[in-house]
PDB file of N, CA and C in Angstrom:
ATOM      1  N   MET A   1       0.841  -1.212   0.000  1.00  0.00           N
ATOM      2  CA  MET A   1       0.000   0.000   0.000  1.00  0.00           C
ATOM      3  C   MET A   1       0.873   1.258   0.000  1.00  0.00           C
ATOM      4  N   THR A   2       2.098   1.147  -0.497  1.00  0.00           N
ATOM      5  CA  THR A   2       2.983   2.313  -0.497  1.00  0.00           C
ATOM      6  C   THR A   2       2.736   3.203  -1.710  1.00  0.00           C
ATOM      7  N   ALA A   3       1.902   2.737  -2.650  1.00  0.00           N
ATOM      8  CA  ALA A   3       1.649   3.538  -3.853  1.00  0.00           C
ATOM      9  C   ALA A   3       0.640   4.651  -3.575  1.00  0.00           C
ATOM     10  N   GLY A   4      -0.040   4.607  -2.426  1.00  0.00           N
ATOM     11  CA  GLY A   4      -1.038   5.627  -2.118  1.00  0.00           C
ATOM     12  C   GLY A   4      -0.429   6.978  -1.750  1.00  0.00           C
ATOM     13  N   PRO A   5       0.445   7.028  -0.751  1.00  0.00           N
ATOM     14  CA  PRO A   5       0.977   8.312  -0.276  1.00  0.00           C
ATOM     15  C   PRO A   5       1.761   9.082  -1.336  1.00  0.00           C
ATOM     16  N   TRP A   6       2.321   8.386  -2.310  1.00  0.00           N
ATOM     17  CA  TRP A   6       3.159   9.083  -3.297  1.00  0.00           C
ATOM     18  C   TRP A   6       2.405  10.163  -4.059  1.00  0.00           C
ATOM     19  N   PRO A   7       1.288   9.827  -4.725  1.00  0.00           N
ATOM     20  CA  PRO A   7       0.550  10.860  -5.460  1.00  0.00           C
ATOM     21  C   PRO A   7       0.051  11.986  -4.549  1.00  0.00           C
ATOM     22  N   ALA A   8      -0.357  11.639  -3.341  1.00  0.00           N
ATOM     23  CA  ALA A   8      -0.865  12.651  -2.414  1.00  0.00           C
ATOM     24  C   ALA A   8       0.242  13.648  -2.070  1.00  0.00           C
ATOM     25  N   SER A   9       1.431  13.154  -1.744  1.00  0.00           N
ATOM     26  CA  SER A   9       2.539  14.039  -1.402  1.00  0.00           C
ATOM     27  C   SER A   9       2.918  14.891  -2.602  1.00  0.00           C
ATOM     28  N   ALA A  10       2.820  14.312  -3.789  1.00  0.00           N
ATOM     29  CA  ALA A  10       3.132  15.074  -5.005  1.00  0.00           C
ATOM     30  C   ALA A  10       2.143  16.217  -5.175  1.00  0.00           C
ATOM     31  N   GLU A  11       0.876  15.955  -4.897  1.00  0.00           N
ATOM     32  CA  GLU A  11      -0.139  17.000  -5.035  1.00  0.00           C
ATOM     33  C   GLU A  11       0.103  18.112  -4.023  1.00  0.00           C
ATOM     34  N   THR A  12       0.442  17.743  -2.780  1.00  0.00           N
ATOM     35  CA  THR A  12       0.690  18.761  -1.759  1.00  0.00           C
ATOM     36  C   THR A  12       1.905  19.606  -2.155  1.00  0.00           C
ATOM     37  N   ALA A  13       2.936  18.948  -2.689  1.00  0.00           N
ATOM     38  CA  ALA A  13       4.123  19.679  -3.138  1.00  0.00           C
ATOM     39  C   ALA A  13       3.751  20.606  -4.284  1.00  0.00           C
ATOM     40  N   LEU A  14       2.872  20.138  -5.164  1.00  0.00           N
ATOM     41  CA  LEU A  14       2.414  20.966  -6.278  1.00  0.00           C
ATOM     42  C   LEU A  14       1.736  22.224  -5.763  1.00  0.00           C
ATOM     43  N   ARG A  15       0.826  22.066  -4.819  1.00  0.00           N
ATOM     44  CA  ARG A  15       0.085  23.218  -4.305  1.00  0.00           C
ATOM     45  C   ARG A  15       1.025  24.184  -3.596  1.00  0.00           C
ATOM     46  N   ALA A  16       1.951  23.649  -2.806  1.00  0.00           N
ATOM     47  CA  ALA A  16       2.893  24.515  -2.096  1.00  0.00           C
ATOM     48  C   ALA A  16       3.779  25.266  -3.091  1.00  0.00           C
ATOM     49  N   GLY A  17       4.265  24.555  -4.102  1.00  0.00           N
ATOM     50  CA  GLY A  17       5.126  25.179  -5.100  1.00  0.00           C
ATOM     51  C   GLY A  17       4.374  26.228  -5.895  1.00  0.00           C
ATOM     52  N   SER A  18       3.121  25.934  -6.246  1.00  0.00           N
ATOM     53  CA  SER A  18       2.329  26.889  -7.030  1.00  0.00           C
ATOM     54  C   SER A  18       2.098  28.157  -6.221  1.00  0.00           C
ATOM     55  N   ARG A  19       1.942  28.018  -4.906  1.00  0.00           N
ATOM     56  CA  ARG A  19       1.715  29.193  -4.067  1.00  0.00           C
ATOM     57  C   ARG A  19       2.983  30.032  -3.966  1.00  0.00           C
ATOM     58  N   LYS A  20       4.130  29.372  -3.862  1.00  0.00           N
ATOM     59  CA  LYS A  20       5.381  30.109  -3.656  1.00  0.00           C
ATOM     60  C   LYS A  20       5.891  30.735  -4.962  1.00  0.00           C
ATOM     61  N   ARG A  21       5.804  29.978  -6.051  1.00  0.00           N
ATOM     62  CA  ARG A  21       6.425  30.438  -7.294  1.00  0.00           C
ATOM     63  C   ARG A  21       5.419  31.003  -8.285  1.00  0.00           C
ATOM     64  N   GLY A  22       4.136  30.911  -7.982  1.00  0.00           N
ATOM     65  CA  GLY A  22       3.141  31.464  -8.885  1.00  0.00           C
ATOM     66  C   GLY A  22       2.529  30.397  -9.774  1.00  0.00           C
ATOM     67  N   GLY A  23       2.406  30.654 -11.078  1.00  0.00           N
ATOM     68  CA  GLY A  23       1.763  29.696 -11.959  1.00  0.00           C
ATOM     69  C   GLY A  23       2.624  29.309 -13.157  1.00  0.00           C
ATOM     70  N   SER A  24       3.776  29.980 -13.340  1.00  0.00           N
ATOM     71  CA  SER A  24       4.591  29.699 -14.521  1.00  0.00           C
ATOM     72  C   SER A  24       5.267  28.339 -14.407  1.00  0.00           C
ATOM     73  N   ARG A  25       5.731  28.003 -13.212  1.00  0.00           N
ATOM     74  CA  ARG A  25       6.437  26.734 -13.043  1.00  0.00           C
ATOM     75  C   ARG A  25       5.519  25.623 -12.532  1.00  0.00           C
ATOM     76  N   SER A  26       4.275  25.968 -12.271  1.00  0.00           N
ATOM     77  CA  SER A  26       3.342  24.954 -11.774  1.00  0.00           C
ATOM     78  C   SER A  26       3.142  23.871 -12.822  1.00  0.00           C
ATOM     79  N   PHE A  27       3.240  24.240 -14.103  1.00  0.00           N
ATOM     80  CA  PHE A  27       3.061  23.249 -15.169  1.00  0.00           C
ATOM     81  C   PHE A  27       4.218  22.259 -15.150  1.00  0.00           C
ATOM     82  N   GLN A  28       5.436  22.739 -14.997  1.00  0.00           N
ATOM     83  CA  GLN A  28       6.597  21.854 -14.941  1.00  0.00           C
ATOM     84  C   GLN A  28       6.479  20.928 -13.734  1.00  0.00           C
ATOM     85  N   LEU A  29       6.062  21.478 -12.604  1.00  0.00           N
ATOM     86  CA  LEU A  29       5.901  20.666 -11.404  1.00  0.00           C
ATOM     87  C   LEU A  29       4.825  19.608 -11.615  1.00  0.00           C
ATOM     88  N   SER A  30       3.749  19.995 -12.322  1.00  0.00           N
ATOM     89  CA  SER A  30       2.672  19.036 -12.580  1.00  0.00           C
ATOM     90  C   SER A  30       3.199  17.892 -13.437  1.00  0.00           C
ATOM     91  N   ASP A  31       4.061  18.187 -14.412  1.00  0.00           N
ATOM     92  CA  ASP A  31       4.639  17.131 -15.240  1.00  0.00           C
ATOM     93  C   ASP A  31       5.461  16.180 -14.381  1.00  0.00           C
ATOM     94  N   GLY A  32       6.272  16.728 -13.483  1.00  0.00           N
ATOM     95  CA  GLY A  32       7.070  15.887 -12.594  1.00  0.00           C
ATOM     96  C   GLY A  32       6.184  15.030 -11.710  1.00  0.00           C
ATOM     97  N   ALA A  33       5.089  15.597 -11.237  1.00  0.00           N
ATOM     98  CA  ALA A  33       4.173  14.834 -10.390  1.00  0.00           C
ATOM     99  C   ALA A  33       3.556  13.685 -11.181  1.00  0.00           C
ATOM    100  N   GLY A  34       3.270  13.928 -12.463  1.00  0.00           N
ATOM    101  CA  GLY A  34       2.720  12.863 -13.296  1.00  0.00           C
ATOM    102  C   GLY A  34       3.695  11.711 -13.423  1.00  0.00           C
ATOM    103  N   GLN A  35       4.971  12.026 -13.605  1.00  0.00           N
ATOM    104  CA  GLN A  35       5.986  10.985 -13.715  1.00  0.00           C
ATOM    105  C   GLN A  35       6.091  10.218 -12.403  1.00  0.00           C
ATOM    106  N   LEU A  36       6.018  10.924 -11.278  1.00  0.00           N
ATOM    107  CA  LEU A  36       6.081  10.263  -9.977  1.00  0.00           C
ATOM    108  C   LEU A  36       4.898   9.319  -9.797  1.00  0.00           C
ATOM    109  N   SER A  37       3.719   9.782 -10.203  1.00  0.00           N
ATOM    110  CA  SER A  37       2.531   8.934 -10.060  1.00  0.00           C
ATOM    111  C   SER A  37       2.675   7.695 -10.938  1.00  0.00           C
ATOM    112  N   ASP A  38       3.226   7.858 -12.144  1.00  0.00           N
ATOM    113  CA  ASP A  38       3.434   6.711 -13.029  1.00  0.00           C
ATOM    114  C   ASP A  38       4.404   5.725 -12.383  1.00  0.00           C
ATOM    115  N   GLY A  39       5.483   6.223 -11.810  1.00  0.00           N
ATOM    116  CA  GLY A  39       6.446   5.349 -11.144  1.00  0.00           C
ATOM    117  C   GLY A  39       5.806   4.604  -9.987  1.00  0.00           C
ATOM    118  N   ALA A  40       4.951   5.295  -9.232  1.00  0.00           N
ATOM    119  CA  ALA A  40       4.277   4.640  -8.116  1.00  0.00           C
ATOM    120  C   ALA A  40       3.364   3.536  -8.628  1.00  0.00           C
ATOM    121  N   GLY A  41       2.695   3.782  -9.756  1.00  0.00           N
ATOM    122  CA  GLY A  41       1.824   2.763 -10.338  1.00  0.00           C
ATOM    123  C   GLY A  41       2.619   1.527 -10.741  1.00  0.00           C
ATOM    124  N   GLN A  42       3.796   1.738 -11.338  1.00  0.00           N
ATOM    125  CA  GLN A  42       4.638   0.611 -11.748  1.00  0.00           C
ATOM    126  C   GLN A  42       5.095  -0.174 -10.523  1.00  0.00           C
ATOM    127  N   LEU A  43       5.448   0.533  -9.452  1.00  0.00           N
ATOM    128  CA  LEU A  43       5.862  -0.152  -8.224  1.00  0.00           C
ATOM    129  C   LEU A  43       4.714  -0.983  -7.674  1.00  0.00           C
ATOM    130  N   GLY A  44       3.508  -0.415  -7.709  1.00  0.00           N
ATOM    131  CA  GLY A  44       2.344  -1.139  -7.214  1.00  0.00           C
ATOM    132  C   GLY A  44       2.095  -2.400  -8.034  1.00  0.00           C
ATOM    133  N   LYS A  45       2.274  -2.309  -9.378  1.00  0.00           N
ATOM    134  CA  LYS A  45       2.050  -3.479 -10.230  1.00  0.00           C
ATOM    135  C   LYS A  45       3.101  -4.548  -9.963  1.00  0.00           C
ATOM    136  N   SER A  46       4.358  -4.128  -9.820  1.00  0.00           N
ATOM    137  CA  SER A  46       5.423  -5.112  -9.585  1.00  0.00           C
ATOM    138  C   SER A  46       5.226  -5.791  -8.226  1.00  0.00           C
ATOM    139  N   ALA A  47       4.757  -5.008  -7.233  1.00  0.00           N
ATOM    140  CA  ALA A  47       4.536  -5.587  -5.914  1.00  0.00           C
ATOM    141  C   ALA A  47       3.338  -6.531  -5.936  1.00  0.00           C
ATOM    142  N   GLY A  48       2.326  -6.190  -6.746  1.00  0.00           N
ATOM    143  CA  GLY A  48       1.131  -7.030  -6.809  1.00  0.00           C
ATOM    144  C   GLY A  48       1.439  -8.332  -7.537  1.00  0.00           C
TER     145      GLY A  48
END
């Protein structure tokens, strides 16, 4: 069940980053969060 907290933490980091840096880099951060979520999904599949 370690694949759950990953996307959540990524979203919180996204919101914090968007607040601090505005909206120009929020898109780049969102892309990174997508990659993290994909990696978490792969880990969940390999563990399953």
